[in-house]
Amino acid sequence: MSDSQLHNKIAGTGSDRIISVSIVEDDDEIRESLALLIDGTPGFCSLSAYRDGETAIQGIPKERPDVVLMDIALPGMSGIEGVRRLKETTPATECIMLTIHKDDDLVFRSLCAGATGYLLKNTKPAKLLAAIEEVCEGGAPMSTNIARMIVSSFRRTTQSPLTARETEVLTQLCKGQSYKMIADSLFVSEQTVHFHIKNIYQKLQVHSKSEAVAKALHDKLV
């Protein structure tokens, strides 16, 4: 397939749409394995691969992939700083941290930097691909033990400005649920979920899912 054909395919819609992914990982074997997995799966395309953050923040804004898989422990610039800079230049690109680290401070800092998902490197290939799709559909995927760690670290505070229902919605966001999944879980319409999330954003003075989750983690709101 030529470069122009690939570009047209990636830019397609519906069943023809291909999710383009860039990888930032300093381990050659892991980076190459991820690229092979993504390229070998229908509906996905490994657009580019980088071994350090400095090179990635130069190339990715020109390529504008749908999703970036970002390691944290990179040589030189950390993956967290890499995400922060990419979200400034390429805000439409979703960033998923893919790391061995499960420290709650790193999770918090990653979300504050603009990451939408946080997965461990032992995530099974099928779940990794599902997470890439989920983040493109508005979800915030996290490895199960990471989600449990975050939720268990929260303690309800009396200073929360949120209503009980808004807190339920925010809790679901923290678990990485998409708007549709939240609606199904709470037996309400997606329009109602959007209404609650709009109120959550206003009350918490945030502008995105990742900022809302980071605020919840920091202030122990759920």
Protein backbone atom coordinates (compact mmCIF):
# COMPACT_ATOMS: atom_id res chain seq x y z
CA MET A 1 0.00 0.00 0.00
CA SER A 2 1.40 3.41 -0.98
CA ASP A 3 1.75 6.31 1.46
CA SER A 4 -1.18 8.11 -0.17
CA GLN A 5 -3.37 4.99 0.01
CA LEU A 6 -2.43 4.52 3.64
CA HIS A 7 -3.31 8.14 4.41
CA ASN A 8 -6.71 7.79 2.72
CA LYS A 9 -7.40 4.55 4.55
CA ILE A 10 -6.53 6.06 7.95
CA ALA A 11 -8.73 9.05 7.20
CA GLY A 12 -11.71 6.86 6.28
CA THR A 13 -14.95 6.52 8.15
CA GLY A 14 -17.13 3.72 9.45
CA SER A 15 -15.86 0.18 8.93
CA ASP A 16 -13.01 1.49 6.78
CA ARG A 17 -11.61 3.63 9.58
CA ILE A 18 -8.17 2.60 10.81
CA ILE A 19 -6.93 3.70 14.24
CA SER A 20 -3.42 5.09 13.86
CA VAL A 21 -1.03 4.53 16.76
CA SER A 22 2.39 5.93 17.61
CA ILE A 23 4.62 4.17 20.13
CA VAL A 24 7.15 5.78 22.46
CA GLU A 25 9.20 3.04 24.14
CA ASP A 26 12.95 2.75 24.71
CA ASP A 27 13.04 -1.06 24.92
CA ASP A 28 13.64 -2.22 21.34
CA GLU A 29 11.99 -5.62 21.78
CA ILE A 30 8.85 -4.20 23.39
CA ARG A 31 8.61 -1.38 20.84
CA GLU A 32 8.93 -3.77 17.91
CA SER A 33 6.47 -6.25 19.44
CA LEU A 34 3.87 -3.51 19.93
CA ALA A 35 4.31 -2.33 16.35
CA LEU A 36 3.91 -5.89 15.03
CA LEU A 37 0.78 -6.43 17.15
CA ILE A 38 -0.83 -3.20 15.98
CA ASP A 39 0.13 -3.57 12.31
CA GLY A 40 -0.97 -7.19 12.32
CA THR A 41 -4.48 -6.41 13.60
CA PRO A 42 -7.23 -5.32 11.18
CA GLY A 43 -8.45 -1.82 11.92
CA PHE A 44 -5.13 -0.65 13.39
CA CYS A 45 -2.00 0.95 11.96
CA SER A 46 1.38 1.49 13.63
CA LEU A 47 2.08 4.97 12.32
CA SER A 48 5.47 5.55 13.96
CA ALA A 49 7.71 4.38 16.79
CA TYR A 50 10.19 6.33 18.91
CA ARG A 51 12.68 5.36 21.59
CA ASP A 52 12.75 8.69 23.43
CA GLY A 53 10.44 11.57 24.27
CA GLU A 54 12.51 14.29 22.66
CA THR A 55 12.25 12.72 19.20
CA ALA A 56 8.60 11.83 19.73
CA ILE A 57 7.48 15.38 20.51
CA GLN A 58 9.12 16.53 17.29
CA GLY A 59 7.58 13.88 15.02
CA ILE A 60 4.15 13.11 16.46
CA PRO A 61 2.63 16.61 16.01
CA LYS A 62 3.36 16.31 12.27
CA GLU A 63 1.85 12.81 12.03
CA ARG A 64 -1.17 13.39 14.31
CA PRO A 65 -1.94 9.78 15.25
CA ASP A 66 -5.20 8.90 16.96
CA VAL A 67 -3.44 7.35 19.95
CA VAL A 68 0.03 7.42 21.49
CA LEU A 69 1.28 4.56 23.68
CA MET A 70 3.76 6.23 26.01
CA ASP A 71 6.26 4.64 28.39
CA ILE A 72 7.08 6.61 31.55
CA ALA A 73 10.72 5.68 32.21
CA LEU A 74 12.36 6.97 29.04
CA PRO A 75 15.96 8.12 28.58
CA GLY A 76 16.09 11.90 29.00
CA MET A 77 12.59 13.39 29.05
CA SER A 78 10.08 11.34 31.04
CA GLY A 79 6.95 9.99 29.40
CA ILE A 80 4.85 12.19 31.67
CA GLU A 81 6.56 15.32 30.40
CA GLY A 82 6.27 13.95 26.87
CA VAL A 83 2.51 13.65 27.26
CA ARG A 84 2.28 17.16 28.68
CA ARG A 85 4.06 18.61 25.64
CA LEU A 86 2.15 16.52 23.13
CA LYS A 87 -1.20 17.62 24.55
CA GLU A 88 -0.11 21.23 24.06
CA THR A 89 0.74 20.70 20.38
CA THR A 90 -1.59 17.82 19.45
CA PRO A 91 -4.60 18.00 21.80
CA ALA A 92 -6.78 15.69 19.68
CA THR A 93 -4.33 12.79 20.05
CA GLU A 94 -5.18 10.51 22.97
CA CYS A 95 -2.28 9.34 25.15
CA ILE A 96 -2.21 6.03 27.02
CA MET A 97 0.60 5.41 29.49
CA LEU A 98 1.99 1.88 29.02
CA THR A 99 4.39 1.19 31.87
CA ILE A 100 5.58 -1.20 34.56
CA HIS A 101 4.97 1.44 37.25
CA LYS A 102 1.79 1.35 39.36
CA ASP A 103 2.63 4.02 41.91
CA ASP A 104 -0.42 6.22 42.63
CA ASP A 105 1.66 9.40 42.37
CA LEU A 106 2.74 8.49 38.82
CA VAL A 107 -0.88 7.74 37.91
CA PHE A 108 -1.93 11.13 39.28
CA ARG A 109 0.88 12.99 37.52
CA SER A 110 0.15 11.21 34.23
CA LEU A 111 -3.53 12.17 34.35
CA CYS A 112 -2.65 15.75 35.25
CA ALA A 113 -0.31 15.85 32.25
CA GLY A 114 -3.16 14.84 29.95
CA ALA A 115 -3.00 11.04 29.68
CA THR A 116 -6.41 9.47 29.10
CA GLY A 117 -5.48 5.90 30.00
CA TYR A 118 -2.99 4.06 32.18
CA LEU A 119 -2.07 0.43 31.43
CA LEU A 120 0.59 -1.91 32.73
CA LYS A 121 2.93 -3.60 30.29
CA ASN A 122 1.66 -7.04 31.29
CA THR A 123 -1.74 -6.12 29.80
CA LYS A 124 -2.81 -8.89 27.41
CA PRO A 125 -2.66 -7.98 23.70
CA ALA A 126 -6.43 -8.28 23.20
CA LYS A 127 -7.08 -5.97 26.16
CA LEU A 128 -4.49 -3.49 24.91
CA LEU A 129 -6.17 -3.31 21.50
CA ALA A 130 -9.57 -2.98 23.18
CA ALA A 131 -8.21 -0.13 25.31
CA ILE A 132 -6.97 1.70 22.21
CA GLU A 133 -10.43 1.41 20.69
CA GLU A 134 -12.06 2.46 23.96
CA VAL A 135 -10.01 5.63 24.27
CA CYS A 136 -11.05 6.61 20.73
CA GLU A 137 -14.68 6.17 21.79
CA GLY A 138 -14.39 8.49 24.78
CA GLY A 139 -13.31 6.03 27.47
CA ALA A 140 -10.38 6.26 29.89
CA PRO A 141 -9.01 2.70 30.05
CA MET A 142 -6.93 1.53 32.98
CA SER A 143 -5.52 -1.81 34.03
CA THR A 144 -7.87 -3.46 36.51
CA ASN A 145 -5.49 -3.24 39.46
CA ILE A 146 -4.72 0.41 38.66
CA ALA A 147 -8.43 1.25 38.62
CA ARG A 148 -8.93 -0.60 41.90
CA MET A 149 -5.97 1.20 43.45
CA ILE A 150 -7.36 4.58 42.44
CA VAL A 151 -10.88 3.89 43.62
CA SER A 152 -9.73 2.36 46.91
CA SER A 153 -7.50 5.38 47.57
CA PHE A 154 -10.49 7.72 47.46
CA ARG A 155 -12.26 8.69 50.69
CA ARG A 156 -15.47 10.71 50.63
CA THR A 157 -14.98 14.23 52.00
CA THR A 158 -17.62 16.58 53.42
CA GLN A 159 -16.24 19.43 51.29
CA SER A 160 -17.25 17.82 47.99
CA PRO A 161 -19.28 20.22 45.83
CA LEU A 162 -20.83 17.33 43.90
CA THR A 163 -24.26 15.79 44.32
CA ALA A 164 -24.62 12.07 45.04
CA ARG A 165 -25.44 11.34 41.38
CA GLU A 166 -22.53 13.47 40.13
CA THR A 167 -20.25 11.56 42.49
CA GLU A 168 -21.52 8.27 41.02
CA VAL A 169 -20.77 9.52 37.52
CA LEU A 170 -17.31 10.72 38.55
CA THR A 171 -16.62 7.34 40.18
CA GLN A 172 -17.46 5.62 36.89
CA LEU A 173 -15.17 8.03 35.03
CA CYS A 174 -12.37 7.12 37.43
CA LYS A 175 -12.91 3.46 36.53
CA GLY A 176 -12.31 4.31 32.87
CA GLN A 177 -15.92 3.94 31.73
CA SER A 178 -17.11 5.63 28.53
CA TYR A 179 -20.23 7.83 28.55
CA LYS A 180 -22.30 4.99 27.09
CA MET A 181 -21.03 2.53 29.69
CA ILE A 182 -21.85 5.00 32.49
CA ALA A 183 -25.34 5.51 31.09
CA ASP A 184 -25.93 1.75 30.95
CA SER A 185 -24.53 1.24 34.46
CA LEU A 186 -26.67 3.97 36.03
CA PHE A 187 -29.75 3.23 33.87
CA VAL A 188 -29.92 6.74 32.45
CA SER A 189 -29.54 8.21 28.96
CA GLU A 190 -26.22 9.36 27.53
CA GLN A 191 -27.71 12.86 27.40
CA THR A 192 -28.20 12.72 31.16
CA VAL A 193 -24.61 11.58 31.63
CA HIS A 194 -23.40 14.50 29.50
CA PHE A 195 -25.51 16.84 31.66
CA HIS A 196 -23.94 15.52 34.88
CA ILE A 197 -20.42 15.63 33.45
CA LYS A 198 -20.94 19.24 32.34
CA ASN A 199 -21.92 20.10 35.92
CA ILE A 200 -18.92 18.16 37.28
CA TYR A 201 -16.56 20.09 35.01
CA GLN A 202 -18.06 23.40 36.10
CA LYS A 203 -17.97 22.59 39.81
CA LEU A 204 -14.44 21.18 39.74
CA GLN A 205 -13.22 23.88 37.31
CA VAL A 206 -11.79 21.32 34.89
CA HIS A 207 -12.11 20.91 31.12
CA SER A 208 -11.54 17.22 30.36
CA LYS A 209 -12.01 13.67 31.62
CA SER A 210 -8.38 13.34 32.61
CA GLU A 211 -8.47 16.60 34.59
CA ALA A 212 -11.66 15.49 36.36
CA VAL A 213 -10.15 12.13 37.33
CA ALA A 214 -6.93 13.82 38.48
CA LYS A 215 -8.95 16.29 40.58
CA ALA A 216 -10.93 13.44 42.12
CA LEU A 217 -7.72 11.58 42.94
CA HIS A 218 -6.01 14.63 44.41
CA ASP A 219 -8.97 15.93 46.44
CA LYS A 220 -10.40 12.51 47.41
CA LEU A 221 -13.86 13.39 46.07
CA VAL A 222 -15.26 9.89 45.55
